[in-house]
Amino acid sequence: MSALSGWLLAVAAWSKTKQTLVTALMATSDADSPVRSYCGKLIRDTAGDLVTRAQKAGQIRADARADDLLKLTHGISYAADHTPGDDGLAARMLGMVIDGLRTEPS
């Protein structure tokens, strides 16, 4: 679980610091772009591996899906980017999501 939660926090932090890069990539390439396809696959595969490992260890809910967690993480990043003055917002919100994934209370 610590690998998954640490990775989700890193994705949120990366999203915040690389927002200009992500925006430029999305604006200048289509959905079939090899670069976009590769980056998306790498992120999805990593998320899938981490979710599967945590599920096999009995640490997170069996119904958790990697694509759902990525959408939640990106939504949280977006909300944090549009809430000036609250630097801890993304970490707090991700903490709530991560706690909701656990099979046992922390």
Protein backbone atom coordinates (compact mmCIF):
# COMPACT_ATOMS: atom_id res chain seq x y z
CA MET A 1 0.00 0.00 0.00
CA SER A 2 2.83 2.41 0.73
CA ALA A 3 4.15 1.98 -2.84
CA LEU A 4 0.72 2.79 -4.30
CA SER A 5 0.05 5.76 -2.03
CA GLY A 6 3.54 7.17 -2.56
CA TRP A 7 3.19 6.81 -6.32
CA LEU A 8 -0.24 8.51 -6.37
CA LEU A 9 1.18 11.42 -4.36
CA ALA A 10 4.10 11.63 -6.80
CA VAL A 11 1.71 11.65 -9.79
CA ALA A 12 -0.25 14.51 -8.20
CA ALA A 13 2.94 16.47 -7.49
CA TRP A 14 4.24 15.82 -11.02
CA SER A 15 0.94 16.96 -12.48
CA LYS A 16 1.16 20.24 -10.58
CA THR A 17 4.74 21.01 -11.59
CA LYS A 18 4.41 19.85 -15.19
CA GLN A 19 1.03 21.39 -16.00
CA THR A 20 2.49 23.51 -18.83
CA LEU A 21 4.17 20.45 -20.38
CA VAL A 22 0.97 18.39 -20.18
CA THR A 23 -1.08 21.23 -21.68
CA ALA A 24 1.41 21.66 -24.55
CA LEU A 25 1.51 17.92 -25.22
CA MET A 26 -2.27 17.70 -25.32
CA ALA A 27 -2.58 20.77 -27.56
CA THR A 28 0.06 19.75 -30.09
CA SER A 29 -0.59 16.05 -30.50
CA ASP A 30 -3.61 13.96 -31.29
CA ALA A 31 -4.84 10.99 -29.27
CA ASP A 32 -2.96 8.61 -31.59
CA SER A 33 0.39 10.34 -31.06
CA PRO A 34 3.16 7.81 -30.27
CA VAL A 35 4.46 10.02 -27.45
CA ARG A 36 1.03 10.40 -25.84
CA SER A 37 0.30 6.72 -26.30
CA TYR A 38 3.61 5.69 -24.73
CA CYS A 39 3.29 8.07 -21.77
CA GLY A 40 -0.30 7.06 -21.12
CA LYS A 41 0.53 3.35 -21.33
CA LEU A 42 3.45 3.73 -18.95
CA ILE A 43 1.29 5.52 -16.37
CA ARG A 44 -1.64 3.09 -16.73
CA ASP A 45 0.62 0.02 -16.56
CA THR A 46 2.39 1.28 -13.45
CA ALA A 47 -0.89 2.10 -11.73
CA GLY A 48 -2.27 -1.31 -12.67
CA ASP A 49 0.78 -3.13 -11.31
CA LEU A 50 0.69 -1.21 -8.02
CA VAL A 51 -3.06 -1.76 -7.56
CA THR A 52 -2.74 -5.47 -8.31
CA ARG A 53 0.14 -5.88 -5.83
CA ALA A 54 -1.77 -4.08 -3.09
CA GLN A 55 -4.89 -6.16 -3.77
CA LYS A 56 -2.95 -9.44 -3.71
CA ALA A 57 -1.45 -8.39 -0.37
CA GLY A 58 -4.98 -7.74 0.95
CA GLN A 59 -4.17 -4.08 1.59
CA ILE A 60 -6.80 -2.42 -0.59
CA ARG A 61 -10.34 -3.11 -1.67
CA ALA A 62 -10.83 -5.80 -4.29
CA ASP A 63 -13.05 -3.51 -6.37
CA ALA A 64 -10.41 -0.77 -6.71
CA ARG A 65 -9.48 -0.06 -10.33
CA ALA A 66 -6.31 1.64 -11.48
CA ASP A 67 -8.10 3.80 -14.05
CA ASP A 68 -10.50 5.05 -11.36
CA LEU A 69 -7.57 5.99 -9.11
CA LEU A 70 -5.86 7.83 -11.93
CA LYS A 71 -9.02 9.82 -12.64
CA LEU A 72 -9.39 10.66 -8.95
CA THR A 73 -5.74 11.69 -8.73
CA HIS A 74 -5.98 13.93 -11.79
CA GLY A 75 -9.24 15.44 -10.51
CA ILE A 76 -7.63 16.17 -7.17
CA SER A 77 -4.62 17.73 -8.92
CA TYR A 78 -6.93 19.92 -10.97
CA ALA A 79 -8.87 21.03 -7.88
CA ALA A 80 -5.63 21.79 -6.03
CA ASP A 81 -4.27 23.79 -8.97
CA HIS A 82 -7.42 25.93 -8.88
CA THR A 83 -7.40 26.51 -5.12
CA PRO A 84 -4.69 29.09 -4.45
CA GLY A 85 -3.24 29.35 -0.98
CA ASP A 86 -3.81 25.74 0.10
CA ASP A 87 -0.59 23.91 -0.69
CA GLY A 88 -1.61 20.83 1.31
CA LEU A 89 -4.95 20.29 -0.44
CA ALA A 90 -3.84 17.57 -2.88
CA ALA A 91 -2.07 15.54 -0.19
CA ARG A 92 -5.06 15.78 2.18
CA MET A 93 -7.56 14.78 -0.48
CA LEU A 94 -5.39 11.91 -1.71
CA GLY A 95 -5.03 10.80 1.91
CA MET A 96 -8.81 10.54 2.11
CA VAL A 97 -8.93 8.49 -1.09
CA ILE A 98 -6.12 6.22 0.09
CA ASP A 99 -7.82 5.68 3.47
CA GLY A 100 -11.02 4.74 1.64
CA LEU A 101 -9.12 2.09 -0.34
CA ARG A 102 -7.80 0.26 2.70
CA THR A 103 -9.27 -3.06 3.73
CA GLU A 104 -8.31 -2.29 7.34
CA PRO A 105 -8.44 1.08 9.09
CA SER A 106 -5.07 2.79 9.41
